[in-house]
């Protein structure tokens, strides 16, 4: 019989750091390459589609259609170094506090796997679950870790590690994380602009 383990969940963008790493990385690329500027008309269409289908994949992939594997290789390390400065000051201490209470601490983010693991590598998470991208076409999703898929990602990680997760707390800034938050005993909503609980 599988044992039950106490787990604490954290979202990343708007919860532990601001601004959104996807958007910030796009702007970072625009400051260093002309290629993203050529895709501005398509990005405008994507913004419109997003209003009607917030959880969709099409607009997400086409929003970053300018992105190539070479751009990720060249720009991601510098962006990660810069974006770590945007982390809320309480974040690392809170993770250490949850560990000292005997809980497993898991980050679940919609942001891509070419950013998130390195953005939080120094924070001591037991697992980092995020969107999985095509290595050769980094605009393409293999798995979109958003909405209900965050719960699926958690369940798959727990199953692989042979335990049942009991979510004692979950931290998020966004209603899109309701599936993740609803499985927690306690929901802690963060104001993304201040980093403080609402």
N, C-alpha and C. Protein backbone atom coordinates (compact mmCIF):
# COMPACT_ATOMS: atom_id res chain seq x y z
N UNK A 1 0.84 -1.20 0.00
CA UNK A 1 0.00 0.00 0.00
C UNK A 1 0.88 1.25 0.00
N UNK A 2 0.51 2.23 -0.83
CA UNK A 2 1.31 3.44 -0.93
C UNK A 2 1.13 4.32 0.31
N UNK A 3 2.23 4.90 0.77
CA UNK A 3 2.17 5.80 1.92
C UNK A 3 1.78 7.20 1.47
N UNK A 4 1.22 7.96 2.39
CA UNK A 4 0.82 9.33 2.11
C UNK A 4 1.91 10.28 2.60
N UNK A 5 2.24 11.25 1.77
CA UNK A 5 3.28 12.23 2.08
C UNK A 5 2.69 13.63 2.04
N UNK A 6 3.03 14.46 3.03
CA UNK A 6 2.59 15.86 3.04
C UNK A 6 3.40 16.67 2.03
N UNK A 7 2.68 17.41 1.20
CA UNK A 7 3.29 18.17 0.11
C UNK A 7 2.80 19.61 0.14
N UNK A 8 3.69 20.54 -0.17
CA UNK A 8 3.33 21.95 -0.33
C UNK A 8 3.64 22.34 -1.77
N UNK A 9 2.67 22.98 -2.42
CA UNK A 9 2.80 23.36 -3.83
C UNK A 9 3.00 24.86 -3.99
N UNK A 10 3.87 25.21 -4.91
CA UNK A 10 4.09 26.61 -5.27
C UNK A 10 3.97 26.79 -6.77
N UNK A 11 3.23 27.80 -7.19
CA UNK A 11 3.30 28.31 -8.55
C UNK A 11 4.56 29.20 -8.60
N UNK A 12 4.98 29.61 -9.80
CA UNK A 12 6.17 30.46 -9.88
C UNK A 12 5.83 31.89 -10.28
N UNK A 13 5.43 32.10 -11.53
CA UNK A 13 5.19 33.46 -12.03
C UNK A 13 4.07 34.14 -11.26
N UNK A 14 4.36 35.29 -10.68
CA UNK A 14 3.37 36.02 -9.91
C UNK A 14 3.22 35.54 -8.48
N UNK A 15 3.80 34.39 -8.18
CA UNK A 15 3.72 33.84 -6.82
C UNK A 15 5.07 33.95 -6.12
N UNK A 16 6.12 33.52 -6.77
CA UNK A 16 7.47 33.62 -6.21
C UNK A 16 8.31 34.69 -6.90
N UNK A 17 7.85 35.15 -8.05
CA UNK A 17 8.64 36.08 -8.86
C UNK A 17 7.72 36.90 -9.75
N UNK A 18 8.18 38.07 -10.14
CA UNK A 18 7.42 38.93 -11.04
C UNK A 18 8.40 39.73 -11.88
N UNK A 19 8.17 39.99 -13.16
CA UNK A 19 6.97 39.66 -13.92
C UNK A 19 7.01 38.23 -14.46
N UNK A 20 5.98 37.89 -15.23
CA UNK A 20 5.86 36.57 -15.85
C UNK A 20 7.11 36.25 -16.67
N UNK A 21 7.70 35.09 -16.42
CA UNK A 21 8.96 34.75 -17.07
C UNK A 21 8.81 34.54 -18.58
N UNK A 22 7.66 34.02 -19.03
CA UNK A 22 7.43 33.86 -20.47
C UNK A 22 7.46 35.20 -21.18
N UNK A 23 6.70 36.15 -20.65
CA UNK A 23 6.63 37.48 -21.25
C UNK A 23 7.98 38.17 -21.16
N UNK A 24 8.62 38.07 -20.01
CA UNK A 24 9.90 38.72 -19.80
C UNK A 24 10.97 38.15 -20.73
N UNK A 25 10.94 36.85 -20.97
CA UNK A 25 11.92 36.26 -21.88
C UNK A 25 11.69 36.73 -23.31
N UNK A 26 10.42 36.88 -23.70
CA UNK A 26 10.12 37.43 -25.03
C UNK A 26 10.69 38.83 -25.19
N UNK A 27 10.51 39.66 -24.17
CA UNK A 27 11.05 41.03 -24.22
C UNK A 27 12.57 41.02 -24.23
N UNK A 28 13.15 40.09 -23.48
CA UNK A 28 14.61 39.94 -23.44
C UNK A 28 15.14 39.62 -24.85
N UNK A 29 14.45 38.72 -25.54
CA UNK A 29 14.84 38.36 -26.90
C UNK A 29 14.68 39.54 -27.86
N UNK A 30 13.62 40.33 -27.67
CA UNK A 30 13.37 41.48 -28.54
C UNK A 30 14.45 42.54 -28.41
N UNK A 31 15.07 42.62 -27.25
CA UNK A 31 16.16 43.59 -27.05
C UNK A 31 17.46 43.12 -27.69
N UNK A 32 17.52 41.86 -28.10
CA UNK A 32 18.78 41.29 -28.60
C UNK A 32 18.70 40.73 -30.00
N UNK A 33 17.52 40.75 -30.60
CA UNK A 33 17.34 40.16 -31.92
C UNK A 33 16.23 40.89 -32.68
N UNK A 34 16.39 41.00 -33.98
CA UNK A 34 15.34 41.59 -34.83
C UNK A 34 14.24 40.59 -35.14
N UNK A 35 14.55 39.31 -35.03
CA UNK A 35 13.60 38.27 -35.43
C UNK A 35 12.24 38.40 -34.74
N UNK A 36 12.17 38.61 -33.41
CA UNK A 36 10.84 38.71 -32.78
C UNK A 36 9.98 39.84 -33.34
N UNK A 37 10.62 40.92 -33.76
CA UNK A 37 9.86 42.07 -34.25
C UNK A 37 9.10 41.73 -35.54
N UNK A 38 9.62 40.79 -36.31
CA UNK A 38 8.96 40.38 -37.55
C UNK A 38 7.65 39.65 -37.29
N UNK A 39 7.48 39.16 -36.07
CA UNK A 39 6.31 38.37 -35.71
C UNK A 39 5.26 39.17 -34.93
N UNK A 40 5.45 40.47 -34.82
CA UNK A 40 4.50 41.30 -34.05
C UNK A 40 3.06 41.19 -34.55
N UNK A 41 2.81 41.19 -35.87
CA UNK A 41 1.41 41.04 -36.31
C UNK A 41 0.77 39.73 -35.82
N UNK A 42 1.53 38.64 -35.88
CA UNK A 42 1.02 37.35 -35.39
C UNK A 42 0.77 37.41 -33.89
N UNK A 43 1.66 38.07 -33.15
CA UNK A 43 1.49 38.21 -31.70
C UNK A 43 0.20 38.97 -31.39
N UNK A 44 -0.11 39.97 -32.21
CA UNK A 44 -1.35 40.72 -32.02
C UNK A 44 -2.57 39.83 -32.17
N UNK A 45 -2.55 38.95 -33.16
CA UNK A 45 -3.65 38.00 -33.36
C UNK A 45 -3.74 37.06 -32.16
N UNK A 46 -2.59 36.64 -31.66
CA UNK A 46 -2.57 35.73 -30.52
C UNK A 46 -3.19 36.37 -29.28
N UNK A 47 -2.94 37.66 -29.06
CA UNK A 47 -3.55 38.36 -27.93
C UNK A 47 -5.07 38.33 -28.03
N UNK A 48 -5.59 38.49 -29.24
CA UNK A 48 -7.04 38.46 -29.44
C UNK A 48 -7.60 37.07 -29.16
N UNK A 49 -6.93 36.04 -29.70
CA UNK A 49 -7.37 34.65 -29.49
C UNK A 49 -7.34 34.31 -28.00
N UNK A 50 -6.31 34.80 -27.30
CA UNK A 50 -6.16 34.54 -25.86
C UNK A 50 -7.38 35.01 -25.07
N UNK A 51 -7.99 36.12 -25.48
CA UNK A 51 -9.15 36.65 -24.77
C UNK A 51 -10.32 35.68 -24.79
N UNK A 52 -10.40 34.87 -25.84
CA UNK A 52 -11.52 33.95 -26.00
C UNK A 52 -11.18 32.50 -25.60
N UNK A 53 -9.90 32.21 -25.50
CA UNK A 53 -9.47 30.84 -25.19
C UNK A 53 -8.20 30.89 -24.34
N UNK A 54 -8.37 31.29 -23.08
CA UNK A 54 -7.22 31.55 -22.21
C UNK A 54 -6.34 30.32 -22.01
N UNK A 55 -6.94 29.14 -22.03
CA UNK A 55 -6.16 27.93 -21.80
C UNK A 55 -5.65 27.27 -23.06
N UNK A 56 -5.80 27.92 -24.19
CA UNK A 56 -5.44 27.31 -25.47
C UNK A 56 -3.95 27.15 -25.71
N UNK A 57 -3.64 26.22 -26.60
CA UNK A 57 -2.24 25.96 -26.98
C UNK A 57 -1.85 26.75 -28.22
N UNK A 58 -2.79 26.92 -29.16
CA UNK A 58 -2.46 27.57 -30.43
C UNK A 58 -1.83 28.94 -30.25
N UNK A 59 -2.48 29.79 -29.45
CA UNK A 59 -1.95 31.15 -29.29
C UNK A 59 -0.64 31.15 -28.52
N UNK A 60 -0.49 30.21 -27.59
CA UNK A 60 0.76 30.14 -26.83
C UNK A 60 1.94 29.77 -27.73
N UNK A 61 1.71 28.80 -28.60
CA UNK A 61 2.80 28.39 -29.50
C UNK A 61 3.12 29.47 -30.52
N UNK A 62 2.10 30.12 -31.05
CA UNK A 62 2.33 31.14 -32.07
C UNK A 62 2.83 32.46 -31.49
N UNK A 63 2.55 32.69 -30.21
CA UNK A 63 3.09 33.88 -29.54
C UNK A 63 4.61 33.84 -29.51
N UNK A 64 5.17 32.63 -29.44
CA UNK A 64 6.62 32.48 -29.41
C UNK A 64 7.14 31.82 -30.69
N UNK A 65 6.43 32.01 -31.77
CA UNK A 65 6.82 31.39 -33.04
C UNK A 65 8.20 31.87 -33.50
N UNK A 66 8.60 33.05 -33.07
CA UNK A 66 9.91 33.59 -33.43
C UNK A 66 11.06 32.81 -32.81
N UNK A 67 10.77 32.03 -31.78
CA UNK A 67 11.82 31.41 -30.97
C UNK A 67 12.43 30.20 -31.67
N UNK A 68 13.76 30.16 -31.69
CA UNK A 68 14.49 29.03 -32.26
C UNK A 68 15.33 28.38 -31.17
N UNK A 69 15.78 27.17 -31.43
CA UNK A 69 16.64 26.47 -30.47
C UNK A 69 17.92 27.26 -30.24
N UNK A 70 18.44 27.89 -31.29
CA UNK A 70 19.66 28.68 -31.15
C UNK A 70 19.44 29.89 -30.26
N UNK A 71 18.27 30.53 -30.37
CA UNK A 71 17.98 31.69 -29.52
C UNK A 71 17.89 31.28 -28.06
N UNK A 72 17.27 30.14 -27.79
CA UNK A 72 17.20 29.65 -26.41
C UNK A 72 18.60 29.42 -25.87
N UNK A 73 19.44 28.78 -26.68
CA UNK A 73 20.81 28.48 -26.25
C UNK A 73 21.59 29.76 -25.97
N UNK A 74 21.41 30.78 -26.81
CA UNK A 74 22.16 32.03 -26.65
C UNK A 74 21.61 32.93 -25.56
N UNK A 75 20.27 33.01 -25.44
CA UNK A 75 19.66 34.03 -24.59
C UNK A 75 19.20 33.54 -23.22
N UNK A 76 18.85 32.26 -23.10
CA UNK A 76 18.29 31.79 -21.83
C UNK A 76 19.23 31.96 -20.64
N UNK A 77 20.53 31.63 -20.75
CA UNK A 77 21.41 31.79 -19.58
C UNK A 77 21.47 33.22 -19.05
N UNK A 78 21.59 34.20 -19.94
CA UNK A 78 21.63 35.60 -19.50
C UNK A 78 20.31 36.04 -18.90
N UNK A 79 19.21 35.61 -19.52
CA UNK A 79 17.89 35.95 -18.98
C UNK A 79 17.71 35.37 -17.59
N UNK A 80 18.08 34.11 -17.40
CA UNK A 80 17.90 33.45 -16.11
C UNK A 80 18.70 34.18 -15.03
N UNK A 81 19.93 34.55 -15.36
CA UNK A 81 20.77 35.31 -14.40
C UNK A 81 20.09 36.62 -14.02
N UNK A 82 19.51 37.30 -15.00
CA UNK A 82 18.86 38.59 -14.76
C UNK A 82 17.54 38.43 -14.01
N UNK A 83 16.74 37.44 -14.41
CA UNK A 83 15.39 37.29 -13.87
C UNK A 83 15.38 36.79 -12.42
N UNK A 84 16.44 36.14 -11.99
CA UNK A 84 16.51 35.69 -10.60
C UNK A 84 16.43 36.86 -9.63
N UNK A 85 16.82 38.05 -10.08
CA UNK A 85 16.76 39.23 -9.22
C UNK A 85 15.33 39.67 -8.95
N UNK A 86 14.38 39.17 -9.72
CA UNK A 86 12.97 39.56 -9.55
C UNK A 86 12.21 38.69 -8.56
N UNK A 87 12.91 37.75 -7.96
CA UNK A 87 12.27 36.83 -7.02
C UNK A 87 11.86 37.60 -5.75
N UNK A 88 10.69 37.27 -5.22
CA UNK A 88 10.26 37.89 -3.98
C UNK A 88 11.16 37.43 -2.83
N UNK A 89 11.48 38.34 -1.93
CA UNK A 89 12.45 38.07 -0.89
C UNK A 89 12.10 36.95 0.07
N UNK A 90 10.81 36.69 0.27
CA UNK A 90 10.39 35.67 1.23
C UNK A 90 10.46 34.27 0.67
N UNK A 91 10.60 34.14 -0.64
CA UNK A 91 10.39 32.85 -1.30
C UNK A 91 11.31 31.75 -0.80
N UNK A 92 12.60 32.00 -0.81
CA UNK A 92 13.56 30.95 -0.45
C UNK A 92 13.41 30.55 1.02
N UNK A 93 13.18 31.54 1.89
CA UNK A 93 13.00 31.25 3.32
C UNK A 93 11.74 30.42 3.56
N UNK A 94 10.68 30.70 2.81
CA UNK A 94 9.42 29.96 2.98
C UNK A 94 9.59 28.50 2.57
N UNK A 95 10.34 28.26 1.53
CA UNK A 95 10.60 26.88 1.09
C UNK A 95 11.41 26.14 2.15
N UNK A 96 12.42 26.80 2.70
CA UNK A 96 13.22 26.19 3.77
C UNK A 96 12.35 25.91 5.00
N UNK A 97 11.42 26.81 5.29
CA UNK A 97 10.51 26.63 6.43
C UNK A 97 9.60 25.42 6.22
N UNK A 98 9.11 25.26 5.00
CA UNK A 98 8.25 24.10 4.70
C UNK A 98 9.05 22.79 4.80
N UNK A 99 10.28 22.82 4.36
CA UNK A 99 11.13 21.63 4.48
C UNK A 99 11.37 21.28 5.94
N UNK A 100 11.63 22.29 6.75
CA UNK A 100 11.92 22.04 8.16
C UNK A 100 10.69 21.49 8.89
N UNK A 101 9.49 21.74 8.33
CA UNK A 101 8.26 21.19 8.90
C UNK A 101 8.04 19.75 8.44
N UNK A 102 8.94 19.25 7.61
CA UNK A 102 8.85 17.86 7.16
C UNK A 102 8.05 17.64 5.89
N UNK A 103 7.75 18.71 5.18
CA UNK A 103 6.95 18.60 3.96
C UNK A 103 7.82 18.50 2.71
N UNK A 104 7.33 17.77 1.71
CA UNK A 104 7.92 17.83 0.38
C UNK A 104 7.46 19.14 -0.24
N UNK A 105 8.35 19.81 -0.96
CA UNK A 105 8.01 21.10 -1.55
C UNK A 105 8.17 21.02 -3.07
N UNK A 106 7.09 21.32 -3.78
CA UNK A 106 7.04 21.12 -5.22
C UNK A 106 6.67 22.43 -5.92
N UNK A 107 7.43 22.76 -6.95
CA UNK A 107 7.08 23.88 -7.81
C UNK A 107 6.34 23.34 -9.02
N UNK A 108 5.18 23.93 -9.33
CA UNK A 108 4.43 23.55 -10.53
C UNK A 108 4.16 24.82 -11.33
N UNK A 109 4.77 24.90 -12.51
CA UNK A 109 4.71 26.13 -13.30
C UNK A 109 4.32 25.87 -14.74
N UNK A 110 3.61 26.83 -15.32
CA UNK A 110 3.27 26.77 -16.74
C UNK A 110 4.47 27.13 -17.60
N UNK A 111 5.43 27.83 -17.04
CA UNK A 111 6.59 28.27 -17.80
C UNK A 111 7.39 27.08 -18.33
N UNK A 112 8.19 27.32 -19.37
CA UNK A 112 8.84 26.21 -20.08
C UNK A 112 10.06 25.62 -19.38
N UNK A 113 10.38 24.41 -19.81
CA UNK A 113 11.50 23.69 -19.20
C UNK A 113 12.88 24.23 -19.57
N UNK A 114 12.93 25.16 -20.52
CA UNK A 114 14.22 25.78 -20.82
C UNK A 114 14.48 27.01 -19.94
N UNK A 115 13.51 27.36 -19.07
CA UNK A 115 13.68 28.48 -18.14
C UNK A 115 13.57 28.06 -16.67
N UNK A 116 12.46 27.43 -16.32
CA UNK A 116 12.10 27.24 -14.91
C UNK A 116 13.11 26.44 -14.08
N UNK A 117 13.56 25.27 -14.51
CA UNK A 117 14.48 24.51 -13.64
C UNK A 117 15.71 25.32 -13.24
N UNK A 118 16.29 26.07 -14.17
CA UNK A 118 17.47 26.87 -13.84
C UNK A 118 17.12 28.12 -13.04
N UNK A 119 15.90 28.65 -13.24
CA UNK A 119 15.49 29.83 -12.47
C UNK A 119 15.34 29.51 -10.98
N UNK A 120 15.04 28.26 -10.65
CA UNK A 120 14.79 27.90 -9.24
C UNK A 120 15.78 26.86 -8.71
N UNK A 121 16.88 26.66 -9.42
CA UNK A 121 17.82 25.59 -9.06
C UNK A 121 18.44 25.77 -7.68
N UNK A 122 18.46 27.00 -7.18
CA UNK A 122 19.08 27.28 -5.88
C UNK A 122 18.07 27.30 -4.73
N UNK A 123 16.81 26.96 -5.00
CA UNK A 123 15.77 27.15 -3.99
C UNK A 123 15.44 25.90 -3.19
N UNK A 124 15.91 24.75 -3.63
CA UNK A 124 15.75 23.54 -2.83
C UNK A 124 14.43 22.80 -2.99
N UNK A 125 13.78 22.93 -4.14
CA UNK A 125 12.54 22.19 -4.37
C UNK A 125 12.82 20.69 -4.48
N UNK A 126 11.90 19.90 -3.98
CA UNK A 126 12.01 18.45 -4.13
C UNK A 126 11.68 18.02 -5.56
N UNK A 127 10.86 18.80 -6.23
CA UNK A 127 10.53 18.55 -7.64
C UNK A 127 10.15 19.85 -8.30
N UNK A 128 10.52 19.97 -9.57
CA UNK A 128 10.15 21.12 -10.39
C UNK A 128 9.39 20.58 -11.59
N UNK A 129 8.08 20.85 -11.63
CA UNK A 129 7.21 20.37 -12.69
C UNK A 129 6.80 21.57 -13.54
N UNK A 130 7.00 21.47 -14.84
CA UNK A 130 6.73 22.62 -15.71
C UNK A 130 6.34 22.13 -17.11
N UNK A 131 6.03 23.08 -17.98
CA UNK A 131 5.68 22.73 -19.35
C UNK A 131 6.90 22.13 -20.05
N UNK A 132 6.66 21.06 -20.80
CA UNK A 132 7.72 20.40 -21.54
C UNK A 132 7.65 20.84 -23.00
N UNK A 133 8.78 21.32 -23.50
CA UNK A 133 8.82 21.87 -24.85
C UNK A 133 9.63 20.96 -25.78
N UNK A 134 9.38 21.11 -27.08
CA UNK A 134 10.16 20.41 -28.09
C UNK A 134 11.55 21.05 -28.15
N UNK A 135 12.60 20.26 -27.94
CA UNK A 135 13.96 20.80 -27.89
C UNK A 135 14.33 21.52 -29.19
N UNK A 136 13.97 20.94 -30.31
CA UNK A 136 14.33 21.52 -31.61
C UNK A 136 13.41 22.65 -32.04
N UNK A 137 12.18 22.65 -31.54
CA UNK A 137 11.22 23.71 -31.83
C UNK A 137 10.66 24.20 -30.50
N UNK A 138 11.40 25.06 -29.80
CA UNK A 138 11.02 25.43 -28.42
C UNK A 138 9.71 26.20 -28.29
N UNK A 139 9.08 26.52 -29.40
CA UNK A 139 7.74 27.13 -29.32
C UNK A 139 6.67 26.06 -29.15
N UNK A 140 6.99 24.79 -29.43
CA UNK A 140 6.02 23.71 -29.46
C UNK A 140 5.96 22.99 -28.11
N UNK A 141 4.73 22.72 -27.65
CA UNK A 141 4.53 22.03 -26.38
C UNK A 141 4.49 20.52 -26.57
N UNK A 142 5.18 19.82 -25.69
CA UNK A 142 4.96 18.39 -25.53
C UNK A 142 3.95 18.16 -24.40
N UNK A 143 3.98 19.06 -23.41
CA UNK A 143 3.02 19.00 -22.30
C UNK A 143 2.85 20.41 -21.74
N UNK A 144 1.61 20.91 -21.79
CA UNK A 144 1.31 22.23 -21.24
C UNK A 144 0.90 22.07 -19.79
N UNK A 145 1.72 22.54 -18.88
CA UNK A 145 1.48 22.40 -17.44
C UNK A 145 0.65 23.60 -16.97
N UNK A 146 -0.64 23.56 -17.25
CA UNK A 146 -1.55 24.67 -16.97
C UNK A 146 -2.89 24.10 -16.52
N UNK A 147 -3.55 24.79 -15.60
CA UNK A 147 -4.88 24.38 -15.17
C UNK A 147 -4.88 22.97 -14.58
N UNK A 148 -5.77 22.12 -15.05
CA UNK A 148 -5.89 20.75 -14.55
C UNK A 148 -4.61 19.94 -14.77
N UNK A 149 -3.85 20.32 -15.79
CA UNK A 149 -2.61 19.58 -16.08
C UNK A 149 -1.58 19.70 -14.96
N UNK A 150 -1.70 20.74 -14.14
CA UNK A 150 -0.79 20.85 -12.99
C UNK A 150 -1.06 19.72 -11.99
N UNK A 151 -2.31 19.38 -11.81
CA UNK A 151 -2.67 18.28 -10.91
C UNK A 151 -2.22 16.95 -11.51
N UNK A 152 -2.37 16.81 -12.82
CA UNK A 152 -1.90 15.60 -13.50
C UNK A 152 -0.40 15.44 -13.34
N UNK A 153 0.34 16.53 -13.51
CA UNK A 153 1.80 16.49 -13.36
C UNK A 153 2.19 16.07 -11.94
N UNK A 154 1.49 16.61 -10.94
CA UNK A 154 1.76 16.24 -9.55
C UNK A 154 1.49 14.76 -9.32
N UNK A 155 0.35 14.28 -9.80
CA UNK A 155 -0.01 12.87 -9.61
C UNK A 155 0.99 11.93 -10.28
N UNK A 156 1.46 12.31 -11.47
CA UNK A 156 2.43 11.47 -12.18
C UNK A 156 3.76 11.44 -11.44
N UNK A 157 4.17 12.58 -10.90
CA UNK A 157 5.42 12.64 -10.13
C UNK A 157 5.31 11.78 -8.87
N UNK A 158 4.19 11.90 -8.16
CA UNK A 158 3.98 11.12 -6.94
C UNK A 158 3.94 9.63 -7.25
N UNK A 159 3.25 9.27 -8.32
CA UNK A 159 3.16 7.86 -8.72
C UNK A 159 4.53 7.29 -9.04
N UNK A 160 5.35 8.07 -9.74
CA UNK A 160 6.71 7.63 -10.09
C UNK A 160 7.57 7.43 -8.85
N UNK A 161 7.24 8.20 -7.78
CA UNK A 161 7.99 8.10 -6.52
C UNK A 161 7.29 7.25 -5.48
N UNK A 162 6.20 6.58 -5.92
CA UNK A 162 5.50 5.58 -5.11
C UNK A 162 4.94 6.12 -3.79
N UNK A 163 4.20 7.24 -3.88
CA UNK A 163 3.47 7.73 -2.72
C UNK A 163 2.23 8.49 -3.16
N UNK A 164 1.35 8.76 -2.20
CA UNK A 164 0.14 9.54 -2.45
C UNK A 164 0.35 10.93 -1.86
N UNK A 165 0.20 11.98 -2.66
CA UNK A 165 0.42 13.33 -2.12
C UNK A 165 -0.78 13.84 -1.32
N UNK A 166 -0.50 14.32 -0.12
CA UNK A 166 -1.51 15.04 0.66
C UNK A 166 -1.08 16.51 0.66
N UNK A 167 -1.79 17.33 -0.09
CA UNK A 167 -1.39 18.73 -0.25
C UNK A 167 -1.89 19.54 0.93
N UNK A 168 -0.97 19.94 1.79
CA UNK A 168 -1.35 20.69 2.99
C UNK A 168 -1.51 22.18 2.71
N UNK A 169 -0.71 22.70 1.76
CA UNK A 169 -0.80 24.11 1.39
C UNK A 169 -0.46 24.26 -0.08
N UNK A 170 -1.06 25.27 -0.72
CA UNK A 170 -0.71 25.61 -2.09
C UNK A 170 -0.69 27.13 -2.23
N UNK A 171 0.31 27.62 -2.95
CA UNK A 171 0.51 29.05 -3.15
C UNK A 171 0.34 29.39 -4.62
N UNK A 172 -0.47 30.41 -4.92
CA UNK A 172 -0.65 30.84 -6.30
C UNK A 172 -1.14 32.28 -6.34
N UNK A 173 -1.00 32.88 -7.52
CA UNK A 173 -1.51 34.25 -7.73
C UNK A 173 -2.67 34.26 -8.72
N UNK A 174 -3.00 33.12 -9.33
CA UNK A 174 -3.89 33.12 -10.48
C UNK A 174 -5.06 32.14 -10.35
N UNK A 175 -6.24 32.57 -10.79
CA UNK A 175 -7.41 31.70 -10.78
C UNK A 175 -7.25 30.51 -11.70
N UNK A 176 -6.34 30.60 -12.67
CA UNK A 176 -6.09 29.45 -13.55
C UNK A 176 -5.52 28.27 -12.78
N UNK A 177 -5.04 28.53 -11.56
CA UNK A 177 -4.50 27.46 -10.72
C UNK A 177 -5.54 26.85 -9.78
N UNK A 178 -6.82 27.16 -9.99
CA UNK A 178 -7.85 26.62 -9.11
C UNK A 178 -7.81 25.09 -8.97
N UNK A 179 -7.59 24.33 -10.05
CA UNK A 179 -7.52 22.87 -9.86
C UNK A 179 -6.44 22.46 -8.87
N UNK A 180 -5.30 23.12 -8.92
CA UNK A 180 -4.20 22.84 -7.99
C UNK A 180 -4.55 23.31 -6.58
N UNK A 181 -5.16 24.48 -6.48
CA UNK A 181 -5.47 25.06 -5.18
C UNK A 181 -6.58 24.27 -4.47
N UNK A 182 -7.53 23.75 -5.23
CA UNK A 182 -8.68 23.06 -4.63
C UNK A 182 -8.32 21.73 -3.98
N UNK A 183 -7.17 21.16 -4.33
CA UNK A 183 -6.77 19.90 -3.69
C UNK A 183 -5.96 20.14 -2.42
N UNK A 184 -5.73 21.42 -2.08
CA UNK A 184 -4.95 21.77 -0.90
C UNK A 184 -5.85 22.00 0.31
N UNK A 185 -5.37 21.63 1.49
CA UNK A 185 -6.09 21.92 2.72
C UNK A 185 -6.20 23.43 2.93
N UNK A 186 -5.14 24.15 2.54
CA UNK A 186 -5.12 25.60 2.73
C UNK A 186 -4.63 26.27 1.46
N UNK A 187 -5.38 27.27 1.01
CA UNK A 187 -5.01 28.03 -0.19
C UNK A 187 -4.43 29.38 0.24
N UNK A 188 -3.25 29.69 -0.29
CA UNK A 188 -2.62 30.99 0.00
C UNK A 188 -2.46 31.74 -1.32
N UNK A 189 -3.26 32.80 -1.47
CA UNK A 189 -3.26 33.58 -2.69
C UNK A 189 -2.30 34.76 -2.56
N UNK A 190 -1.45 34.92 -3.55
CA UNK A 190 -0.41 35.95 -3.53
C UNK A 190 -0.76 37.08 -4.48
N UNK A 191 -0.54 38.32 -4.04
CA UNK A 191 -0.68 39.48 -4.93
C UNK A 191 0.57 39.54 -5.79
N UNK A 192 0.46 39.38 -7.13
CA UNK A 192 1.65 39.29 -7.97
C UNK A 192 2.47 40.57 -8.03
N UNK A 193 1.87 41.69 -7.74
CA UNK A 193 2.62 42.96 -7.80
C UNK A 193 3.43 43.21 -6.53
N UNK A 194 2.93 42.71 -5.39
CA UNK A 194 3.61 42.98 -4.12
C UNK A 194 4.31 41.75 -3.56
N UNK A 195 3.88 40.57 -3.98
CA UNK A 195 4.43 39.34 -3.42
C UNK A 195 3.86 38.98 -2.07
N UNK A 196 2.87 39.75 -1.63
CA UNK A 196 2.28 39.51 -0.31
C UNK A 196 0.97 38.71 -0.42
N UNK A 197 0.64 37.93 0.61
CA UNK A 197 -0.66 37.24 0.59
C UNK A 197 -1.81 38.23 0.50
N UNK A 198 -2.85 37.85 -0.28
CA UNK A 198 -4.03 38.72 -0.42
C UNK A 198 -4.89 38.64 0.84
